[in-house]
Amino acid sequence: MPLLPLAALFGVITFVCALFLLVHAFRRSLGTGMMVLLVPFYLPVYAFSQFEHSRKNLILAGFFGSTLLTAVFLGLGAHALEQVMVRPPPPAPF
């Protein structure tokens, strides 16, 4: 259960880093921004080939690392929650 708040925290970090990438893409051009926003898997291509920022390494590490950690913690948290929900109730004492 305590893994779900960690997933939310890393999700927020992913969102903030994605905003940096998206704002940069739209400042470059409207077409590039729309491609980053709508074309699957264009974001990593853009991030490594055209994204220019003084903190590029930190932003990309935050985005990709937090995305991976969010997925892991969501999976583990959902599995733990399922185990709690499926567990039969304890027998009533007589």
N, C-alpha and C. Protein backbone atom coordinates (compact mmCIF):
# COMPACT_ATOMS: atom_id res chain seq x y z
N MET A 1 0.79 -1.20 0.00
CA MET A 1 0.00 0.00 0.00
C MET A 1 0.85 1.28 0.00
N PRO A 2 1.99 1.35 0.72
CA PRO A 2 2.75 2.60 0.69
C PRO A 2 3.45 2.84 -0.65
N LEU A 3 3.35 1.91 -1.58
CA LEU A 3 3.99 2.09 -2.88
C LEU A 3 3.18 3.01 -3.80
N LEU A 4 1.88 3.10 -3.60
CA LEU A 4 1.06 3.94 -4.46
C LEU A 4 1.37 5.43 -4.30
N PRO A 5 1.62 5.95 -3.10
CA PRO A 5 2.04 7.36 -3.02
C PRO A 5 3.39 7.61 -3.70
N LEU A 6 4.30 6.63 -3.64
CA LEU A 6 5.57 6.78 -4.36
C LEU A 6 5.33 6.84 -5.87
N ALA A 7 4.41 6.02 -6.36
CA ALA A 7 4.07 6.05 -7.78
C ALA A 7 3.51 7.42 -8.16
N ALA A 8 2.69 7.99 -7.30
CA ALA A 8 2.13 9.32 -7.58
C ALA A 8 3.23 10.38 -7.59
N LEU A 9 4.18 10.29 -6.66
CA LEU A 9 5.28 11.24 -6.62
C LEU A 9 6.12 11.18 -7.89
N PHE A 10 6.49 9.97 -8.30
CA PHE A 10 7.28 9.84 -9.52
C PHE A 10 6.47 10.21 -10.75
N GLY A 11 5.16 10.03 -10.71
CA GLY A 11 4.30 10.47 -11.80
C GLY A 11 4.31 11.98 -11.95
N VAL A 12 4.33 12.69 -10.83
CA VAL A 12 4.40 14.16 -10.87
C VAL A 12 5.74 14.60 -11.45
N ILE A 13 6.82 13.93 -11.06
CA ILE A 13 8.15 14.27 -11.61
C ILE A 13 8.17 14.03 -13.12
N THR A 14 7.59 12.92 -13.56
CA THR A 14 7.50 12.63 -15.00
C THR A 14 6.71 13.72 -15.71
N PHE A 15 5.60 14.14 -15.12
CA PHE A 15 4.76 15.17 -15.73
C PHE A 15 5.51 16.49 -15.87
N VAL A 16 6.24 16.89 -14.85
CA VAL A 16 6.99 18.15 -14.89
C VAL A 16 8.08 18.09 -15.97
N CYS A 17 8.79 16.98 -16.04
CA CYS A 17 9.84 16.85 -17.06
C CYS A 17 9.23 16.81 -18.46
N ALA A 18 8.07 16.16 -18.61
CA ALA A 18 7.40 16.13 -19.91
C ALA A 18 6.94 17.53 -20.31
N LEU A 19 6.54 18.35 -19.34
CA LEU A 19 6.15 19.73 -19.66
C LEU A 19 7.33 20.52 -20.21
N PHE A 20 8.53 20.33 -19.64
CA PHE A 20 9.72 20.98 -20.18
C PHE A 20 9.92 20.61 -21.65
N LEU A 21 9.81 19.30 -21.94
CA LEU A 21 10.00 18.84 -23.31
C LEU A 21 8.93 19.39 -24.24
N LEU A 22 7.69 19.38 -23.79
CA LEU A 22 6.58 19.82 -24.62
C LEU A 22 6.63 21.32 -24.90
N VAL A 23 6.95 22.11 -23.89
CA VAL A 23 7.06 23.55 -24.08
C VAL A 23 8.19 23.87 -25.05
N HIS A 24 9.31 23.16 -24.91
CA HIS A 24 10.43 23.39 -25.82
C HIS A 24 10.05 23.02 -27.26
N ALA A 25 9.32 21.93 -27.43
CA ALA A 25 8.91 21.51 -28.77
C ALA A 25 7.96 22.52 -29.40
N PHE A 26 7.01 23.05 -28.64
CA PHE A 26 6.09 24.03 -29.19
C PHE A 26 6.78 25.37 -29.47
N ARG A 27 7.80 25.70 -28.71
CA ARG A 27 8.55 26.93 -29.00
C ARG A 27 9.36 26.78 -30.28
N ARG A 28 9.77 25.56 -30.56
CA ARG A 28 10.52 25.30 -31.80
C ARG A 28 9.62 25.50 -33.01
N SER A 29 8.46 24.83 -33.02
CA SER A 29 7.45 25.04 -34.06
C SER A 29 6.17 24.34 -33.64
N LEU A 30 5.08 24.78 -34.23
CA LEU A 30 3.79 24.17 -33.93
C LEU A 30 3.74 22.71 -34.39
N GLY A 31 4.31 22.42 -35.54
CA GLY A 31 4.33 21.05 -36.06
C GLY A 31 5.12 20.11 -35.18
N THR A 32 6.27 20.56 -34.71
CA THR A 32 7.08 19.73 -33.81
C THR A 32 6.35 19.48 -32.51
N GLY A 33 5.73 20.50 -31.97
CA GLY A 33 4.97 20.34 -30.73
C GLY A 33 3.82 19.37 -30.89
N MET A 34 3.11 19.46 -32.01
CA MET A 34 2.00 18.53 -32.24
C MET A 34 2.51 17.10 -32.42
N MET A 35 3.66 16.94 -33.07
CA MET A 35 4.22 15.60 -33.23
C MET A 35 4.62 15.01 -31.88
N VAL A 36 5.26 15.81 -31.04
CA VAL A 36 5.64 15.34 -29.71
C VAL A 36 4.40 14.97 -28.91
N LEU A 37 3.35 15.75 -29.07
CA LEU A 37 2.13 15.53 -28.31
C LEU A 37 1.33 14.33 -28.81
N LEU A 38 1.29 14.12 -30.13
CA LEU A 38 0.35 13.16 -30.69
C LEU A 38 0.97 11.89 -31.29
N VAL A 39 2.19 11.93 -31.74
CA VAL A 39 2.80 10.77 -32.39
C VAL A 39 3.48 9.90 -31.34
N PRO A 40 3.05 8.64 -31.23
CA PRO A 40 3.69 7.76 -30.23
C PRO A 40 5.18 7.57 -30.54
N PHE A 41 5.98 7.54 -29.54
CA PHE A 41 7.42 7.31 -29.59
C PHE A 41 8.20 8.43 -30.28
N TYR A 42 7.57 9.55 -30.60
CA TYR A 42 8.35 10.67 -31.13
C TYR A 42 9.00 11.47 -30.00
N LEU A 43 8.43 11.42 -28.83
CA LEU A 43 9.01 12.15 -27.70
C LEU A 43 10.44 11.73 -27.40
N PRO A 44 10.76 10.42 -27.31
CA PRO A 44 12.17 10.06 -27.08
C PRO A 44 13.09 10.48 -28.23
N VAL A 45 12.59 10.37 -29.47
CA VAL A 45 13.40 10.79 -30.62
C VAL A 45 13.70 12.29 -30.52
N TYR A 46 12.68 13.07 -30.23
CA TYR A 46 12.86 14.51 -30.09
C TYR A 46 13.77 14.83 -28.91
N ALA A 47 13.57 14.14 -27.80
CA ALA A 47 14.34 14.43 -26.60
C ALA A 47 15.84 14.24 -26.81
N PHE A 48 16.21 13.19 -27.53
CA PHE A 48 17.63 12.92 -27.72
C PHE A 48 18.24 13.64 -28.91
N SER A 49 17.43 13.99 -29.91
CA SER A 49 18.02 14.57 -31.11
C SER A 49 17.89 16.09 -31.20
N GLN A 50 16.78 16.68 -30.73
CA GLN A 50 16.56 18.10 -30.96
C GLN A 50 16.40 18.94 -29.69
N PHE A 51 16.19 18.31 -28.56
CA PHE A 51 15.98 19.05 -27.31
C PHE A 51 17.29 19.68 -26.87
N GLU A 52 17.28 21.01 -26.69
CA GLU A 52 18.47 21.74 -26.26
C GLU A 52 18.11 22.55 -25.02
N HIS A 53 18.74 22.19 -23.92
CA HIS A 53 18.48 22.87 -22.64
C HIS A 53 19.74 22.74 -21.81
N SER A 54 19.97 23.71 -20.95
CA SER A 54 21.18 23.65 -20.12
C SER A 54 21.15 22.48 -19.14
N ARG A 55 19.97 22.03 -18.77
CA ARG A 55 19.82 20.89 -17.85
C ARG A 55 19.24 19.68 -18.57
N LYS A 56 19.64 19.48 -19.81
CA LYS A 56 19.08 18.39 -20.63
C LYS A 56 19.25 17.04 -19.96
N ASN A 57 20.44 16.74 -19.46
CA ASN A 57 20.68 15.43 -18.85
C ASN A 57 19.79 15.19 -17.64
N LEU A 58 19.61 16.20 -16.82
CA LEU A 58 18.77 16.07 -15.62
C LEU A 58 17.30 15.88 -16.01
N ILE A 59 16.83 16.63 -16.99
CA ILE A 59 15.44 16.53 -17.41
C ILE A 59 15.16 15.17 -18.04
N LEU A 60 16.05 14.70 -18.90
CA LEU A 60 15.83 13.40 -19.54
C LEU A 60 15.94 12.25 -18.54
N ALA A 61 16.88 12.34 -17.62
CA ALA A 61 16.99 11.30 -16.59
C ALA A 61 15.76 11.31 -15.70
N GLY A 62 15.28 12.50 -15.36
CA GLY A 62 14.07 12.59 -14.56
C GLY A 62 12.87 12.03 -15.28
N PHE A 63 12.75 12.33 -16.57
CA PHE A 63 11.60 11.85 -17.34
C PHE A 63 11.61 10.33 -17.48
N PHE A 64 12.70 9.78 -18.01
CA PHE A 64 12.73 8.35 -18.28
C PHE A 64 12.83 7.52 -17.00
N GLY A 65 13.62 7.97 -16.04
CA GLY A 65 13.74 7.25 -14.78
C GLY A 65 12.45 7.26 -13.98
N SER A 66 11.82 8.41 -13.92
CA SER A 66 10.56 8.51 -13.16
C SER A 66 9.43 7.75 -13.85
N THR A 67 9.44 7.73 -15.18
CA THR A 67 8.44 6.94 -15.89
C THR A 67 8.57 5.47 -15.55
N LEU A 68 9.79 4.97 -15.55
CA LEU A 68 10.03 3.57 -15.21
C LEU A 68 9.65 3.28 -13.76
N LEU A 69 10.05 4.15 -12.84
CA LEU A 69 9.72 3.93 -11.43
C LEU A 69 8.22 4.04 -11.16
N THR A 70 7.55 4.93 -11.87
CA THR A 70 6.09 5.03 -11.73
C THR A 70 5.43 3.73 -12.14
N ALA A 71 5.85 3.18 -13.27
CA ALA A 71 5.26 1.92 -13.74
C ALA A 71 5.52 0.78 -12.76
N VAL A 72 6.73 0.71 -12.23
CA VAL A 72 7.07 -0.36 -11.29
C VAL A 72 6.26 -0.23 -10.00
N PHE A 73 6.22 0.97 -9.43
CA PHE A 73 5.49 1.15 -8.18
C PHE A 73 3.99 1.01 -8.36
N LEU A 74 3.45 1.41 -9.51
CA LEU A 74 2.03 1.19 -9.76
C LEU A 74 1.71 -0.29 -9.85
N GLY A 75 2.57 -1.04 -10.54
CA GLY A 75 2.35 -2.48 -10.64
C GLY A 75 2.44 -3.18 -9.30
N LEU A 76 3.46 -2.85 -8.53
CA LEU A 76 3.61 -3.48 -7.21
C LEU A 76 2.50 -3.06 -6.26
N GLY A 77 2.13 -1.79 -6.31
CA GLY A 77 1.06 -1.30 -5.44
C GLY A 77 -0.29 -1.91 -5.80
N ALA A 78 -0.56 -2.05 -7.09
CA ALA A 78 -1.82 -2.66 -7.52
C ALA A 78 -1.86 -4.14 -7.14
N HIS A 79 -0.72 -4.81 -7.25
CA HIS A 79 -0.67 -6.22 -6.86
C HIS A 79 -0.90 -6.38 -5.36
N ALA A 80 -0.28 -5.53 -4.56
CA ALA A 80 -0.47 -5.60 -3.11
C ALA A 80 -1.91 -5.29 -2.73
N LEU A 81 -2.51 -4.32 -3.40
CA LEU A 81 -3.90 -3.97 -3.14
C LEU A 81 -4.83 -5.12 -3.52
N GLU A 82 -4.52 -5.79 -4.62
CA GLU A 82 -5.33 -6.94 -5.03
C GLU A 82 -5.24 -8.07 -4.01
N GLN A 83 -4.05 -8.30 -3.48
CA GLN A 83 -3.87 -9.36 -2.48
C GLN A 83 -4.67 -9.07 -1.22
N VAL A 84 -4.76 -7.80 -0.83
CA VAL A 84 -5.53 -7.43 0.34
C VAL A 84 -7.02 -7.64 0.07
N MET A 85 -7.46 -7.30 -1.13
CA MET A 85 -8.89 -7.40 -1.46
C MET A 85 -9.34 -8.85 -1.64
N VAL A 86 -8.46 -9.72 -2.09
CA VAL A 86 -8.82 -11.11 -2.36
C VAL A 86 -8.75 -11.97 -1.10
N ARG A 87 -7.96 -11.57 -0.13
CA ARG A 87 -7.77 -12.34 1.09
C ARG A 87 -9.12 -12.59 1.77
N PRO A 88 -9.40 -13.84 2.15
CA PRO A 88 -10.67 -14.12 2.81
C PRO A 88 -10.69 -13.52 4.22
N PRO A 89 -11.85 -13.13 4.69
CA PRO A 89 -11.89 -12.54 6.04
C PRO A 89 -11.54 -13.60 7.10
N PRO A 90 -10.98 -13.17 8.20
CA PRO A 90 -10.62 -14.13 9.25
C PRO A 90 -11.91 -14.74 9.84
N PRO A 91 -11.80 -15.99 10.32
CA PRO A 91 -12.99 -16.62 10.92
C PRO A 91 -13.41 -15.91 12.21
N ALA A 92 -14.70 -15.92 12.44
CA ALA A 92 -15.23 -15.28 13.62
C ALA A 92 -14.92 -16.11 14.86
N PRO A 93 -14.42 -15.48 15.91
CA PRO A 93 -14.13 -16.24 17.14
C PRO A 93 -15.44 -16.62 17.87
N PHE A 94 -15.45 -17.82 18.44
CA PHE A 94 -16.64 -18.28 19.18
C PHE A 94 -16.35 -18.36 20.64
